[in-house]
N, C-alpha and C. Protein backbone atom coordinates (compact mmCIF):
# COMPACT_ATOMS: atom_id res chain seq x y z
N MET A 1 0.60 -1.18 0.19
CA MET A 1 -0.07 -0.15 0.14
C MET A 1 1.04 1.27 0.08
N ASN A 2 0.85 2.28 -1.09
CA ASN A 2 1.22 3.44 -1.49
C ASN A 2 0.80 4.34 -0.17
N VAL A 3 1.16 4.43 1.37
CA VAL A 3 0.66 5.34 2.13
C VAL A 3 2.29 6.07 2.58
N SER A 4 2.12 7.14 3.01
CA SER A 4 3.37 7.79 3.41
C SER A 4 2.97 9.22 4.11
N ILE A 5 3.96 9.50 5.26
CA ILE A 5 3.44 10.75 5.63
C ILE A 5 4.59 12.12 5.42
N SER A 6 4.10 13.25 5.48
CA SER A 6 4.68 14.40 5.13
C SER A 6 4.45 15.41 5.83
N ARG A 7 4.87 16.33 6.09
CA ARG A 7 4.90 17.96 6.72
C ARG A 7 3.42 18.46 6.08
N TYR A 8 2.72 18.88 6.88
CA TYR A 8 2.05 19.67 5.75
C TYR A 8 2.04 21.39 5.94
N VAL A 9 2.42 21.50 4.36
CA VAL A 9 2.98 22.90 3.69
C VAL A 9 1.66 23.62 3.32
N ASN A 10 1.88 25.32 3.76
CA ASN A 10 0.43 26.15 3.25
C ASN A 10 1.18 25.75 1.89
N SER A 11 -0.03 25.30 1.13
CA SER A 11 0.01 25.32 -0.72
C SER A 11 -1.42 25.43 -0.79
N LYS A 12 -1.37 25.96 -2.50
CA LYS A 12 -2.71 25.94 -2.80
C LYS A 12 -3.45 24.22 -3.08
N ILE A 13 -2.38 23.12 -3.40
CA ILE A 13 -2.36 22.06 -3.41
C ILE A 13 -3.22 21.74 -2.27
N ASN A 14 -2.34 21.66 -1.08
CA ASN A 14 -2.67 20.91 0.40
C ASN A 14 -4.18 21.49 0.75
N ASN A 15 -4.12 22.62 0.90
CA ASN A 15 -5.48 23.63 1.19
C ASN A 15 -6.96 23.14 0.47
N GLN A 16 -6.58 22.97 -0.59
CA GLN A 16 -7.57 22.52 -1.75
C GLN A 16 -8.24 20.98 -1.52
N GLN A 17 -7.06 20.13 -0.88
CA GLN A 17 -7.23 18.79 -0.31
C GLN A 17 -8.13 19.28 1.02
N ILE A 18 -7.39 19.78 1.91
CA ILE A 18 -7.88 20.07 3.44
C ILE A 18 -9.42 20.46 3.32
N SER A 19 -9.76 21.35 2.28
CA SER A 19 -11.20 21.74 1.97
C SER A 19 -12.25 20.75 1.69
N GLU A 20 -11.40 19.66 1.09
CA GLU A 20 -12.35 18.59 0.68
C GLU A 20 -12.48 17.41 1.78
N TYR A 21 -11.91 17.25 2.88
CA TYR A 21 -11.26 16.04 3.55
C TYR A 21 -12.79 16.07 4.52
N GLN A 22 -13.07 15.00 4.51
CA GLN A 22 -14.48 14.72 5.13
C GLN A 22 -14.10 13.99 6.61
N LEU A 23 -14.75 14.50 7.60
CA LEU A 23 -14.86 14.25 8.78
C LEU A 23 -15.91 14.23 9.39
N LYS A 24 -16.86 13.28 9.57
CA LYS A 24 -18.05 13.15 9.90
C LYS A 24 -18.25 13.38 11.62
N SER A 25 -17.27 12.69 12.51
CA SER A 25 -17.39 12.86 13.95
C SER A 25 -16.10 13.25 14.31
N SER A 26 -15.83 14.27 15.01
CA SER A 26 -14.85 14.69 15.61
C SER A 26 -14.59 14.64 17.24
N LYS A 27 -15.30 13.72 17.70
CA LYS A 27 -15.55 13.30 18.92
C LYS A 27 -14.20 12.77 19.73
N TYR A 28 -13.36 12.12 19.16
CA TYR A 28 -12.38 11.55 19.87
C TYR A 28 -10.81 12.44 19.03
N THR A 29 -11.21 13.37 18.01
CA THR A 29 -9.93 14.18 17.60
C THR A 29 -10.26 15.72 16.92
N GLY A 30 -9.27 15.87 16.44
CA GLY A 30 -9.38 17.11 15.83
C GLY A 30 -9.53 17.36 14.03
N SER A 31 -9.91 18.23 13.70
CA SER A 31 -10.43 18.39 12.15
C SER A 31 -8.63 18.77 11.57
N PRO A 32 -8.32 18.75 10.34
CA PRO A 32 -7.04 19.28 10.00
C PRO A 32 -6.84 20.76 10.22
N CYS A 33 -8.07 21.29 10.11
CA CYS A 33 -7.87 23.27 10.26
C CYS A 33 -7.84 23.66 11.70
N SER A 34 -8.40 22.47 12.63
CA SER A 34 -8.03 23.22 13.91
C SER A 34 -6.67 22.58 14.47
N VAL A 35 -6.12 21.89 13.54
CA VAL A 35 -4.63 21.24 13.97
C VAL A 35 -3.78 22.19 13.45
N ILE A 36 -4.19 22.68 12.22
CA ILE A 36 -3.19 23.76 11.36
C ILE A 36 -3.42 24.95 12.50
N LYS A 37 -4.69 25.30 12.89
CA LYS A 37 -5.01 26.82 13.42
C LYS A 37 -3.54 26.77 14.70
N LYS A 38 -3.77 25.31 15.20
CA LYS A 38 -3.00 25.21 16.68
C LYS A 38 -1.40 25.09 16.45
N SER A 39 -0.91 25.08 15.05
CA SER A 39 0.47 24.76 15.02
C SER A 39 1.09 25.91 15.36
N ASP A 40 2.20 25.33 15.50
CA ASP A 40 3.72 26.39 15.76
C ASP A 40 4.78 25.52 15.96
N GLY A 41 5.52 26.36 16.30
CA GLY A 41 7.20 25.52 16.31
C GLY A 41 7.43 24.30 16.81
N ASN A 42 6.43 24.01 17.86
CA ASN A 42 6.48 22.88 18.45
C ASN A 42 5.08 21.63 18.29
N ARG A 43 4.02 22.54 17.43
CA ARG A 43 2.82 21.62 17.10
C ARG A 43 3.12 21.75 15.71
N ILE A 44 3.24 20.30 15.10
CA ILE A 44 3.63 20.50 13.61
C ILE A 44 2.91 19.51 12.84
N PRO A 45 1.60 20.08 12.02
CA PRO A 45 0.72 19.56 11.12
C PRO A 45 1.34 18.54 10.15
N MET A 46 0.58 17.17 10.27
CA MET A 46 1.54 16.08 9.32
C MET A 46 0.55 15.58 8.63
N MET A 47 0.51 15.30 7.42
CA MET A 47 -0.64 14.51 6.20
C MET A 47 -0.05 13.30 6.10
N ILE A 48 -1.35 12.53 6.18
CA ILE A 48 -1.05 11.32 5.30
C ILE A 48 -1.38 10.74 4.24
N LEU A 49 -0.46 10.71 3.16
CA LEU A 49 -1.04 10.60 1.46
C LEU A 49 -0.95 9.31 1.18
N TYR A 50 -1.96 8.89 0.55
CA TYR A 50 -2.34 7.29 -0.17
C TYR A 50 -2.23 7.94 -1.87
N LYS A 51 -1.18 7.31 -2.48
CA LYS A 51 -1.34 7.81 -3.55
C LYS A 51 -1.09 9.31 -4.11
N ASP A 52 -0.17 9.91 -2.80
CA ASP A 52 0.01 11.23 -3.43
C ASP A 52 -1.54 12.23 -2.85
N LYS A 53 -2.50 11.90 -2.51
CA LYS A 53 -3.53 12.20 -2.18
C LYS A 53 -4.04 12.69 -0.41
N LEU A 54 -4.27 13.51 0.19
CA LEU A 54 -4.42 13.51 1.39
C LEU A 54 -5.82 12.45 2.16
N VAL A 55 -5.37 11.54 2.56
CA VAL A 55 -6.64 10.81 3.75
C VAL A 55 -6.38 10.58 4.64
N GLY A 56 -5.33 11.28 5.43
CA GLY A 56 -5.37 11.51 6.72
C GLY A 56 -4.57 12.44 7.83
N PHE A 57 -4.53 12.86 8.89
CA PHE A 57 -3.71 13.86 9.50
C PHE A 57 -3.58 13.78 10.75
N PHE A 58 -2.90 14.35 11.18
CA PHE A 58 -2.35 13.87 12.52
C PHE A 58 -1.68 15.33 13.19
N CYS A 59 -1.03 15.50 14.41
CA CYS A 59 -0.06 16.37 14.58
C CYS A 59 0.84 15.57 15.50
N LEU A 60 2.12 16.17 15.28
CA LEU A 60 3.45 15.86 16.11
C LEU A 60 3.50 17.12 17.29
N HIS A 61 3.54 16.90 18.23
CA HIS A 61 3.73 18.04 19.10
C HIS A 61 5.43 17.51 19.98
N LEU A 62 5.87 18.08 19.78
CA LEU A 62 7.44 18.37 20.63
C LEU A 62 7.42 18.96 21.80
N LYS A 63 8.33 19.10 22.42
CA LYS A 63 9.02 19.79 23.94
C LYS A 63 7.66 19.86 24.84
N GLU A 64 6.99 20.66 25.28
CA GLU A 64 5.98 20.76 26.37
C GLU A 64 5.06 19.81 26.01
N GLY A 65 4.61 19.25 24.94
CA GLY A 65 3.32 18.83 24.48
C GLY A 65 3.44 17.24 25.36
N PRO A 66 4.54 16.28 25.21
CA PRO A 66 4.41 15.06 25.84
C PRO A 66 4.83 15.32 27.17
N VAL A 67 5.21 16.01 27.78
CA VAL A 67 5.59 16.37 29.17
C VAL A 67 3.99 16.75 29.96
N ALA A 68 2.65 17.11 29.13
CA ALA A 68 1.86 17.31 29.93
C ALA A 68 1.12 15.90 30.10
N PHE A 69 1.63 14.74 29.13
CA PHE A 69 1.10 13.48 29.21
C PHE A 69 2.00 12.34 30.14
N GLY A 70 2.94 12.96 30.70
CA GLY A 70 4.03 12.28 31.36
C GLY A 70 5.19 11.82 30.93
N GLY A 71 5.59 12.50 29.56
CA GLY A 71 6.55 12.33 28.67
C GLY A 71 7.68 13.21 29.48
N TYR A 72 8.97 13.02 28.15
CA TYR A 72 10.24 14.05 28.61
C TYR A 72 10.24 14.87 27.27
N TYR A 73 10.56 15.98 27.73
CA TYR A 73 10.49 17.26 26.88
C TYR A 73 11.71 17.42 25.65
N ASN A 74 12.85 16.97 25.90
CA ASN A 74 13.60 16.68 24.57
C ASN A 74 13.66 15.54 24.12
N SER A 75 13.07 14.05 24.41
CA SER A 75 13.40 13.11 23.93
C SER A 75 12.52 12.22 23.20
N ASP A 76 10.83 12.76 23.92
CA ASP A 76 9.46 12.48 23.07
C ASP A 76 8.55 13.19 22.60
N VAL A 77 7.84 12.57 21.95
CA VAL A 77 6.69 13.40 20.59
C VAL A 77 5.57 12.68 20.99
N LEU A 78 4.59 13.70 21.06
CA LEU A 78 3.20 13.24 21.51
C LEU A 78 2.46 13.48 20.08
N LEU A 79 1.98 12.54 19.87
CA LEU A 79 0.86 12.30 18.45
C LEU A 79 -0.55 12.81 19.21
N ARG A 80 -0.93 13.77 18.16
CA ARG A 80 -2.23 14.22 18.31
C ARG A 80 -3.15 14.18 17.58
N ALA A 81 -4.46 13.72 17.45
CA ALA A 81 -5.36 14.31 16.51
C ALA A 81 -5.43 13.48 15.22
N LEU A 82 -5.23 12.20 15.48
CA LEU A 82 -5.32 11.49 14.41
C LEU A 82 -6.36 10.91 13.82
N SER A 83 -6.88 11.64 12.47
CA SER A 83 -8.07 11.42 11.73
C SER A 83 -7.76 10.65 10.27
N ILE A 84 -8.58 10.08 9.97
CA ILE A 84 -8.63 9.56 8.59
C ILE A 84 -9.83 9.98 7.77
N ASP A 85 -10.05 10.69 6.78
CA ASP A 85 -11.22 10.95 5.78
C ASP A 85 -12.00 9.98 5.78
N ASP A 86 -13.25 10.18 6.05
CA ASP A 86 -14.03 9.03 6.03
C ASP A 86 -14.01 8.20 4.82
N ARG A 87 -13.77 9.22 3.67
CA ARG A 87 -14.06 8.27 2.71
C ARG A 87 -13.08 6.92 2.82
N TYR A 88 -12.05 7.08 3.26
CA TYR A 88 -10.98 5.90 2.98
C TYR A 88 -10.67 5.19 4.53
N ARG A 89 -11.64 4.95 5.29
CA ARG A 89 -11.72 4.49 6.59
C ARG A 89 -11.78 2.98 6.14
N GLY A 90 -11.44 2.03 7.01
CA GLY A 90 -12.00 0.60 6.61
C GLY A 90 -10.70 0.04 5.68
N GLN A 91 -9.57 0.75 5.16
CA GLN A 91 -8.80 0.32 4.03
C GLN A 91 -7.59 0.50 4.98
N LYS A 92 -6.97 0.46 6.07
CA LYS A 92 -5.87 0.00 6.74
C LYS A 92 -5.05 0.81 6.76
N ILE A 93 -5.10 2.46 6.33
CA ILE A 93 -4.37 3.40 5.73
C ILE A 93 -4.13 3.98 7.17
N ALA A 94 -4.78 4.11 8.20
CA ALA A 94 -4.32 4.19 9.60
C ALA A 94 -3.05 3.42 10.00
N LEU A 95 -3.32 2.16 9.89
CA LEU A 95 -2.71 1.07 10.50
C LEU A 95 -1.15 1.42 9.77
N ARG A 96 -1.58 1.74 8.48
CA ARG A 96 0.03 1.57 7.69
C ARG A 96 0.79 2.96 8.13
N ALA A 97 -0.12 3.79 8.10
CA ALA A 97 0.77 5.07 8.54
C ALA A 97 1.40 5.14 9.87
N MET A 98 0.92 4.28 10.77
CA MET A 98 0.93 3.95 12.03
C MET A 98 2.67 3.37 12.34
N LEU A 99 2.72 2.67 11.72
CA LEU A 99 3.51 1.36 10.96
C LEU A 99 5.10 2.10 10.62
N ILE A 100 4.47 3.16 9.65
CA ILE A 100 5.65 3.86 9.17
C ILE A 100 6.43 5.22 10.02
N LEU A 101 5.10 5.58 10.89
CA LEU A 101 5.62 7.15 11.72
C LEU A 101 6.72 6.65 12.61
N PRO A 102 7.42 5.06 13.20
CA PRO A 102 8.34 5.41 13.63
C PRO A 102 9.66 5.74 12.99
N CYS A 103 9.90 5.44 11.88
CA CYS A 103 10.80 5.64 11.08
C CYS A 103 10.71 6.91 10.53
N PHE A 104 9.59 7.50 10.31
CA PHE A 104 9.35 8.52 9.63
C PHE A 104 9.86 9.91 10.84
N VAL A 105 9.53 9.97 11.90
CA VAL A 105 9.89 10.39 13.43
C VAL A 105 11.33 10.07 13.58
N LYS A 106 12.41 9.25 13.28
CA LYS A 106 13.64 8.84 13.35
C LYS A 106 14.39 9.95 12.62
N GLN A 107 14.11 9.68 11.47
CA GLN A 107 14.30 10.48 10.57
C GLN A 107 14.34 12.07 10.25
N ASN A 108 13.17 12.26 10.61
CA ASN A 108 12.98 13.93 10.81
C ASN A 108 13.29 14.26 11.86
N PHE A 109 13.24 13.83 13.06
CA PHE A 109 13.63 14.21 14.54
C PHE A 109 14.57 13.26 15.25
N PRO A 110 15.49 13.07 14.81
CA PRO A 110 16.79 12.31 15.38
C PRO A 110 16.83 12.13 17.12
N GLN A 111 16.24 13.27 17.66
CA GLN A 111 16.63 13.33 19.04
C GLN A 111 15.14 12.49 19.77
N ILE A 112 14.58 12.39 19.18
CA ILE A 112 13.15 11.64 19.91
C ILE A 112 13.50 10.04 19.93
N LYS A 113 13.43 9.66 21.13
CA LYS A 113 13.43 8.03 21.29
C LYS A 113 11.99 7.71 21.46
N ARG A 114 11.13 8.38 21.84
CA ARG A 114 9.71 7.85 21.67
C ARG A 114 8.38 8.16 21.66
N ILE A 115 7.17 8.07 21.05
CA ILE A 115 6.30 8.52 20.77
C ILE A 115 5.36 8.05 21.99
N ILE A 116 4.44 9.15 22.29
CA ILE A 116 3.37 8.76 23.45
C ILE A 116 1.85 9.30 22.77
N LEU A 117 1.26 8.65 23.17
CA LEU A 117 -0.22 9.48 22.94
C LEU A 117 -1.03 8.80 23.89
N ALA A 118 -2.43 9.84 23.60
CA ALA A 118 -3.13 9.50 24.73
C ALA A 118 -4.46 9.43 24.08
N VAL A 119 -5.48 7.76 24.22
CA VAL A 119 -6.30 7.35 23.66
C VAL A 119 -7.39 7.00 24.72
N ASN A 120 -8.57 7.90 24.23
CA ASN A 120 -9.86 7.88 25.44
C ASN A 120 -10.43 6.31 25.30
N HIS A 121 -10.73 6.15 26.62
CA HIS A 121 -11.10 4.65 27.09
C HIS A 121 -12.17 4.08 26.27
N ALA A 122 -13.26 4.81 25.77
CA ALA A 122 -14.13 4.70 25.05
C ALA A 122 -13.79 4.49 23.87
N ASN A 123 -12.61 4.88 23.49
CA ASN A 123 -12.57 4.78 21.37
C ASN A 123 -11.44 3.31 21.28
N ILE A 124 -12.45 2.38 21.78
CA ILE A 124 -11.75 0.97 21.32
C ILE A 124 -11.05 0.57 20.06
N PRO A 125 -11.96 1.26 18.82
CA PRO A 125 -11.37 0.96 17.55
C PRO A 125 -9.79 1.89 17.59
N ALA A 126 -9.34 2.59 17.93
CA ALA A 126 -8.19 3.63 18.35
C ALA A 126 -6.92 2.81 18.81
N GLN A 127 -7.81 2.24 20.02
CA GLN A 127 -6.99 1.41 20.96
C GLN A 127 -6.37 0.36 20.28
N LYS A 128 -7.20 -0.29 19.30
CA LYS A 128 -7.11 -1.62 18.89
C LYS A 128 -5.52 -1.40 17.56
N LEU A 129 -6.08 -0.50 17.02
CA LEU A 129 -5.17 0.47 15.77
C LEU A 129 -3.92 0.34 16.59
N TYR A 130 -3.46 1.05 17.51
CA TYR A 130 -2.25 1.26 18.24
C TYR A 130 -1.72 0.17 18.69
N TYR A 131 -2.29 -0.70 19.43
CA TYR A 131 -2.01 -1.86 19.51
C TYR A 131 -1.23 -2.68 18.35
N LYS A 132 -2.23 -2.66 17.62
CA LYS A 132 -1.47 -3.12 16.20
C LYS A 132 -0.35 -2.85 15.26
N ALA A 133 -0.25 -1.54 15.90
CA ALA A 133 0.75 -0.68 15.32
C ALA A 133 1.79 -0.95 16.25
N GLY A 134 1.65 -1.32 17.51
CA GLY A 134 3.25 -1.55 18.45
C GLY A 134 3.38 -1.14 19.67
N PHE A 135 2.15 0.10 19.78
CA PHE A 135 2.00 0.61 20.69
C PHE A 135 1.64 -0.23 21.98
N ILE A 136 2.04 0.28 23.10
CA ILE A 136 1.61 -0.39 24.39
C ILE A 136 1.23 0.51 24.65
N ASP A 137 0.44 -0.08 26.08
CA ASP A 137 -0.43 1.13 27.19
C ASP A 137 0.90 1.00 28.58
N SER A 138 1.17 2.10 28.74
CA SER A 138 2.19 2.23 29.68
C SER A 138 1.90 2.51 30.96
N GLY A 139 0.47 2.11 31.20
CA GLY A 139 0.09 2.32 32.83
C GLY A 139 -0.50 3.74 33.12
N GLN A 140 -0.21 4.69 32.88
CA GLN A 140 -0.65 6.12 33.19
C GLN A 140 -1.74 6.13 32.62
N ARG A 141 -2.18 6.89 33.34
CA ARG A 141 -3.97 7.14 32.92
C ARG A 141 -3.76 8.68 33.29
N ARG A 142 -4.91 9.61 32.55
CA ARG A 142 -5.28 10.59 32.81
C ARG A 142 -6.37 11.12 32.23
N ILE A 143 -6.78 12.44 32.96
CA ILE A 143 -8.52 12.63 32.62
C ILE A 143 -8.85 13.85 31.28
N GLY A 144 -9.13 13.28 30.63
CA GLY A 144 -9.49 14.43 29.40
C GLY A 144 -10.64 14.82 29.45
N LYS A 145 -11.24 15.77 28.27
CA LYS A 145 -12.56 16.08 27.85
C LYS A 145 -13.21 15.34 28.18
N LEU A 146 -13.36 14.19 27.63
CA LEU A 146 -14.19 12.98 27.80
C LEU A 146 -14.12 11.78 28.73
N GLY A 147 -13.40 12.34 29.51
CA GLY A 147 -12.90 11.28 30.72
C GLY A 147 -11.27 10.91 30.55
N GLU A 148 -11.40 9.31 31.14
CA GLU A 148 -10.12 8.70 31.68
C GLU A 148 -9.78 8.42 30.02
N GLN A 149 -8.19 8.54 29.96
CA GLN A 149 -7.55 8.47 28.76
C GLN A 149 -6.38 7.76 28.99
N PHE A 150 -6.11 6.63 27.99
CA PHE A 150 -4.93 5.40 28.59
C PHE A 150 -3.72 6.28 27.36
N ILE A 151 -2.58 6.04 28.09
CA ILE A 151 -1.19 6.78 27.74
C ILE A 151 -0.58 5.37 26.95
N PHE A 152 -0.31 5.32 25.69
CA PHE A 152 0.33 4.70 25.11
C PHE A 152 1.69 5.27 24.73
N GLU A 153 2.40 4.19 24.39
CA GLU A 153 4.09 4.56 24.11
C GLU A 153 4.54 3.52 22.93
N LYS A 154 5.42 3.91 22.42
CA LYS A 154 6.20 3.30 21.35
C LYS A 154 7.55 3.87 21.47
N GLU A 155 8.55 2.79 22.00
CA GLU A 155 10.11 3.35 21.64
C GLU A 155 10.64 3.12 20.61
N LEU A 156 11.19 3.98 19.99
CA LEU A 156 11.84 3.95 18.82
C LEU A 156 13.38 3.21 18.87
N LYS A 157 13.75 2.35 19.54
CA LYS A 157 15.01 1.66 19.55
C LYS A 157 15.20 0.82 18.06
N GLY A 158 16.29 0.49 17.84
CA GLY A 158 16.69 -0.53 16.84
C GLY A 158 16.17 0.28 15.56
N LEU A 159 15.75 1.34 15.31
CA LEU A 159 15.41 2.19 13.76
C LEU A 159 16.76 2.41 12.67
N ASN A 160 17.79 2.72 13.72
CA ASN A 160 18.84 3.03 13.09
C ASN A 160 20.23 2.24 13.74
N SER A 161 21.30 2.49 13.16
CA SER A 161 22.71 2.03 13.68
C SER A 161 23.13 2.79 15.06
N ARG A 162 22.60 3.90 15.47
CA ARG A 162 22.88 4.61 16.38
C ARG A 162 22.38 4.39 17.88
N ASP A 163 21.02 3.33 17.93
CA ASP A 163 20.51 2.84 18.42
C ASP A 163 21.08 1.89 19.53
């Protein structure tokens, strides 16, 4: 499956694709527009592409982002607001993206040693996705807007010769 991850760049093509992005429910996630609005030097909007078409979106939050979830300022990154365009759900695109994410992070953020994320206790499909992608439940919990969240993590060891 030809899935790739790319940093969002403010361009006519990308913005056109974002305007066409379909997301019926944002109960557990944010829309691409909301992720972009919150972006700054440490919140980096990311696109999931399938055959060069935008099919998913998320944010990588560096520095203080992971700290709020029990992570480390300099060596962790927080995955936020993962969504898949409604038209592309059920095609294992999210799984493929999460499987290639560690290599993408290691190549683009070599100081990062671990990806962490929070998943709502009631969001069983997302929990299953993250388990399949090799994330583990850290045992940490926090209370979010919709109640209890599980903190998942994935170590980036063994992805290159420096580890």
